[in-house]
Amino acid sequence: MRHKRLRTRFGRQPDHRRATLTNLAKATLIYQRIKTTQVKAKETRRVIDKLITIAKEDSLAARRKAFSILGDRTLVSKLFKEIAPLFKERKGGYTRIIPFKFRKGDGAKVVFLELTEMKKEEKPKKPPKKEKKAQQAVKPKEVKKEKTLEPKAVPKAAPFVKPKIKEERTVEEAKKEKARDEVKKIEKQKGFLRKVKGFFRRRTNM
């Protein structure tokens, strides 16, 4: 039974819950403003307010107590030297929660958790600009004489040559040429084939 126990568990084990709140408190002290859910922001406020209250009294015991929560020496020294002096005149209300939007997916409320007193960050100074040298009198450039372009000789056009058209031969002419070639072959032959050349000659329309 959780009677009169107002702390939210975040659905985590005690060690995991404690680590989550410590990391959120560290991020708030370093960056002075973080974005998280509303439930986590309300629980983180308790840790931050407690740390700043401890840091108002700069003593060895207070530093050890703050170190037991944060576990970071550089952050503890920053808390005591830079952040705590900003809240000397305040007796509470060291942080504020600013609503932002709803998270996509689960619809959780997203808020900004920030310190009410922030240290102004000094912007790095820009190096001084070098003095511009007196502009020396520039001598007028000599105007180059434009070269007169001589008209180039126009190349003569090549003579027009008609393409040779192959004459189409008829089927009959092709047959006649073939027969002539065969007769010439037979005439060149010697012996018996030469005597009977008329007998083996192919009949054509010559």
Protein backbone atom coordinates (compact mmCIF):
# COMPACT_ATOMS: atom_id res chain seq x y z
CA MET A 1 0.00 0.00 0.00
CA ARG A 2 1.36 3.43 -0.99
CA HIS A 3 -0.50 5.60 1.51
CA LYS A 4 0.77 9.23 1.60
CA ARG A 5 3.62 8.46 -0.81
CA LEU A 6 3.44 11.28 -3.33
CA ARG A 7 6.52 10.41 -5.36
CA THR A 8 6.03 9.10 -8.86
CA ARG A 9 7.88 5.93 -9.72
CA PHE A 10 8.13 6.40 -13.52
CA GLY A 11 7.62 2.63 -13.78
CA ARG A 12 11.28 2.07 -12.81
CA GLN A 13 13.33 0.54 -10.05
CA PRO A 14 14.55 2.90 -7.28
CA ASP A 15 18.15 3.06 -8.56
CA HIS A 16 17.02 3.72 -12.13
CA ARG A 17 14.59 6.42 -10.94
CA ARG A 18 17.29 8.11 -8.85
CA ALA A 19 19.74 8.09 -11.77
CA THR A 20 17.12 9.63 -14.10
CA LEU A 21 16.44 12.53 -11.75
CA THR A 22 20.15 13.10 -11.12
CA ASN A 23 20.91 13.28 -14.84
CA LEU A 24 18.04 15.73 -15.43
CA ALA A 25 19.26 17.91 -12.55
CA LYS A 26 22.81 17.89 -13.95
CA ALA A 27 21.59 18.91 -17.40
CA THR A 28 19.53 21.76 -15.92
CA LEU A 29 22.52 23.12 -13.97
CA ILE A 30 24.82 22.90 -17.00
CA TYR A 31 22.52 24.25 -19.74
CA GLN A 32 20.14 26.26 -17.45
CA ARG A 33 17.19 25.05 -19.54
CA ILE A 34 16.04 21.61 -20.67
CA LYS A 35 13.06 20.07 -22.45
CA THR A 36 11.34 17.09 -20.82
CA THR A 37 7.92 15.75 -19.84
CA GLN A 38 5.83 17.52 -17.21
CA VAL A 39 5.92 14.61 -14.75
CA LYS A 40 9.72 14.38 -14.86
CA ALA A 41 10.09 18.16 -14.62
CA LYS A 42 8.01 18.35 -11.43
CA GLU A 43 10.11 15.65 -9.75
CA THR A 44 13.40 17.18 -10.97
CA ARG A 45 12.45 20.54 -9.39
CA ARG A 46 12.72 18.98 -5.95
CA VAL A 47 16.31 17.87 -6.57
CA ILE A 48 17.42 21.21 -8.04
CA ASP A 49 15.79 23.32 -5.31
CA LYS A 50 17.45 21.15 -2.67
CA LEU A 51 20.88 21.51 -4.33
CA ILE A 52 20.66 25.30 -4.62
CA THR A 53 19.53 25.58 -0.98
CA ILE A 54 22.56 23.53 0.10
CA ALA A 55 24.91 25.59 -2.12
CA LYS A 56 23.88 28.91 -0.49
CA GLU A 57 26.05 28.03 2.50
CA ASP A 58 29.55 27.47 1.15
CA SER A 59 31.16 24.98 3.51
CA LEU A 60 32.97 21.66 3.29
CA ALA A 61 29.99 19.74 4.67
CA ALA A 62 27.66 21.40 2.13
CA ARG A 63 30.01 20.57 -0.73
CA ARG A 64 30.21 16.95 0.36
CA LYS A 65 26.43 16.75 0.55
CA ALA A 66 26.06 18.20 -2.96
CA PHE A 67 28.75 15.82 -4.27
CA SER A 68 26.84 12.82 -2.84
CA ILE A 69 23.91 13.80 -5.10
CA LEU A 70 25.70 14.98 -8.27
CA GLY A 71 28.90 12.90 -8.18
CA ASP A 72 30.81 15.47 -10.27
CA ARG A 73 33.45 17.78 -8.76
CA THR A 74 33.49 20.34 -11.58
CA LEU A 75 29.71 20.66 -11.48
CA VAL A 76 29.74 21.05 -7.70
CA SER A 77 32.26 23.90 -7.93
CA LYS A 78 30.14 25.55 -10.64
CA LEU A 79 27.05 25.21 -8.42
CA PHE A 80 28.73 26.92 -5.46
CA LYS A 81 30.65 29.60 -7.38
CA GLU A 82 28.35 30.59 -10.28
CA ILE A 83 24.76 29.37 -9.77
CA ALA A 84 24.17 29.76 -5.99
CA PRO A 85 25.25 33.46 -5.85
CA LEU A 86 22.45 34.29 -8.34
CA PHE A 87 19.81 33.18 -5.78
CA LYS A 88 21.14 34.93 -2.65
CA GLU A 89 18.13 37.23 -2.39
CA ARG A 90 15.60 34.48 -3.21
CA LYS A 91 14.06 32.22 -0.59
CA GLY A 92 12.55 29.78 -3.07
CA GLY A 93 11.25 29.43 -6.58
CA TYR A 94 14.59 28.62 -8.13
CA THR A 95 13.05 26.93 -11.18
CA ARG A 96 10.05 27.40 -13.46
CA ILE A 97 8.08 25.12 -15.77
CA ILE A 98 6.89 26.46 -19.12
CA PRO A 99 4.40 24.31 -21.09
CA PHE A 100 5.42 23.60 -24.67
CA LYS A 101 3.39 20.95 -26.57
CA PHE A 102 2.14 17.36 -26.55
CA ARG A 103 4.48 14.57 -27.59
CA LYS A 104 3.55 12.50 -30.62
CA GLY A 105 2.82 8.86 -29.95
CA ASP A 106 1.77 8.82 -26.30
CA GLY A 107 0.45 12.40 -26.03
CA ALA A 108 2.61 13.26 -22.99
CA LYS A 109 2.91 16.92 -22.03
CA VAL A 110 6.31 18.34 -22.98
CA VAL A 111 7.58 21.35 -21.01
CA PHE A 112 10.68 23.50 -20.53
CA LEU A 113 12.36 23.33 -17.12
CA GLU A 114 14.65 26.31 -16.53
CA LEU A 115 16.31 28.32 -13.77
CA THR A 116 14.60 31.58 -12.84
CA GLU A 117 17.98 33.36 -12.66
CA MET A 118 20.27 32.62 -15.56
CA LYS A 119 23.85 33.61 -16.10
CA LYS A 120 24.31 35.62 -19.26
CA GLU A 121 26.67 33.93 -21.64
CA GLU A 122 29.37 36.25 -22.91
CA LYS A 123 29.68 36.20 -26.64
CA PRO A 124 33.24 35.95 -27.95
CA LYS A 125 34.51 39.31 -29.03
CA LYS A 126 35.24 39.72 -32.69
CA PRO A 127 38.83 40.68 -33.54
CA PRO A 128 39.20 44.33 -34.59
CA LYS A 129 39.11 44.88 -38.30
CA LYS A 130 42.37 45.89 -39.92
CA GLU A 131 42.52 49.42 -41.24
CA LYS A 132 42.19 49.50 -44.93
CA LYS A 133 45.24 50.81 -46.69
CA ALA A 134 44.84 54.02 -48.60
CA GLN A 135 43.89 53.14 -52.07
CA GLN A 136 46.81 53.88 -54.30
CA ALA A 137 46.25 55.84 -57.46
CA VAL A 138 45.72 53.29 -60.11
CA LYS A 139 47.34 54.11 -63.38
CA PRO A 140 44.99 53.97 -66.31
CA LYS A 141 45.67 50.88 -68.30
CA GLU A 142 46.89 51.34 -71.78
CA VAL A 143 44.19 50.69 -74.24
CA LYS A 144 45.24 47.85 -76.43
CA LYS A 145 44.95 48.45 -80.09
CA GLU A 146 42.42 46.22 -81.63
CA LYS A 147 43.93 44.06 -84.30
CA THR A 148 42.29 44.42 -87.62
CA LEU A 149 41.21 41.05 -88.83
CA GLU A 150 41.99 40.45 -92.47
CA PRO A 151 39.24 38.74 -94.39
CA LYS A 152 40.12 35.11 -94.81
CA ALA A 153 39.96 33.49 -98.24
CA VAL A 154 36.74 31.58 -98.60
CA PRO A 155 37.48 27.94 -99.50
CA LYS A 156 36.13 26.81 -102.84
CA ALA A 157 33.35 24.32 -102.83
CA ALA A 158 34.19 20.82 -104.05
CA PRO A 159 32.82 19.89 -107.49
CA PHE A 160 29.58 17.99 -107.43
CA VAL A 161 30.01 14.38 -108.47
CA LYS A 162 26.98 12.38 -109.36
CA PRO A 163 26.87 9.05 -107.57
CA LYS A 164 27.20 6.06 -109.81
CA ILE A 165 24.00 4.13 -110.05
CA LYS A 166 24.33 0.44 -110.63
CA GLU A 167 22.35 -0.68 -113.61
CA GLU A 168 19.90 -3.35 -112.76
CA ARG A 169 20.33 -6.41 -114.96
CA THR A 170 17.43 -8.41 -116.16
CA VAL A 171 17.19 -12.14 -115.59
CA GLU A 172 17.75 -12.88 -119.27
CA GLU A 173 20.98 -10.88 -119.41
CA ALA A 174 22.28 -12.72 -116.39
CA LYS A 175 21.57 -16.07 -118.05
CA LYS A 176 23.34 -14.98 -121.26
CA GLU A 177 26.47 -13.93 -119.33
CA LYS A 178 26.50 -17.24 -117.52
CA ALA A 179 26.31 -19.15 -120.79
CA ARG A 180 29.17 -17.11 -122.26
CA ASP A 181 31.35 -17.92 -119.28
CA GLU A 182 30.69 -21.63 -119.67
CA VAL A 183 31.59 -21.51 -123.39
CA LYS A 184 34.86 -19.77 -122.65
CA LYS A 185 35.75 -22.42 -120.07
CA ILE A 186 35.11 -25.23 -122.53
CA GLU A 187 37.20 -23.56 -125.24
CA LYS A 188 40.16 -23.34 -122.90
CA GLN A 189 40.02 -27.06 -122.15
CA LYS A 190 42.13 -29.54 -124.19
CA GLY A 191 41.64 -33.10 -125.39
CA PHE A 192 38.46 -35.03 -125.76
CA LEU A 193 36.23 -32.40 -124.12
CA ARG A 194 37.31 -29.82 -126.70
CA LYS A 195 36.12 -31.97 -129.62
CA VAL A 196 32.69 -32.58 -128.16
CA LYS A 197 32.24 -29.08 -126.91
CA GLY A 198 29.15 -28.57 -129.08
CA PHE A 199 27.53 -31.70 -127.72
CA PHE A 200 27.79 -30.67 -124.04
CA ARG A 201 26.99 -27.04 -124.61
CA ARG A 202 24.02 -25.78 -122.69
CA ARG A 203 21.18 -24.62 -124.87
CA THR A 204 20.29 -20.95 -124.34
CA ASN A 205 18.34 -18.27 -126.16
CA MET A 206 21.49 -16.82 -127.78
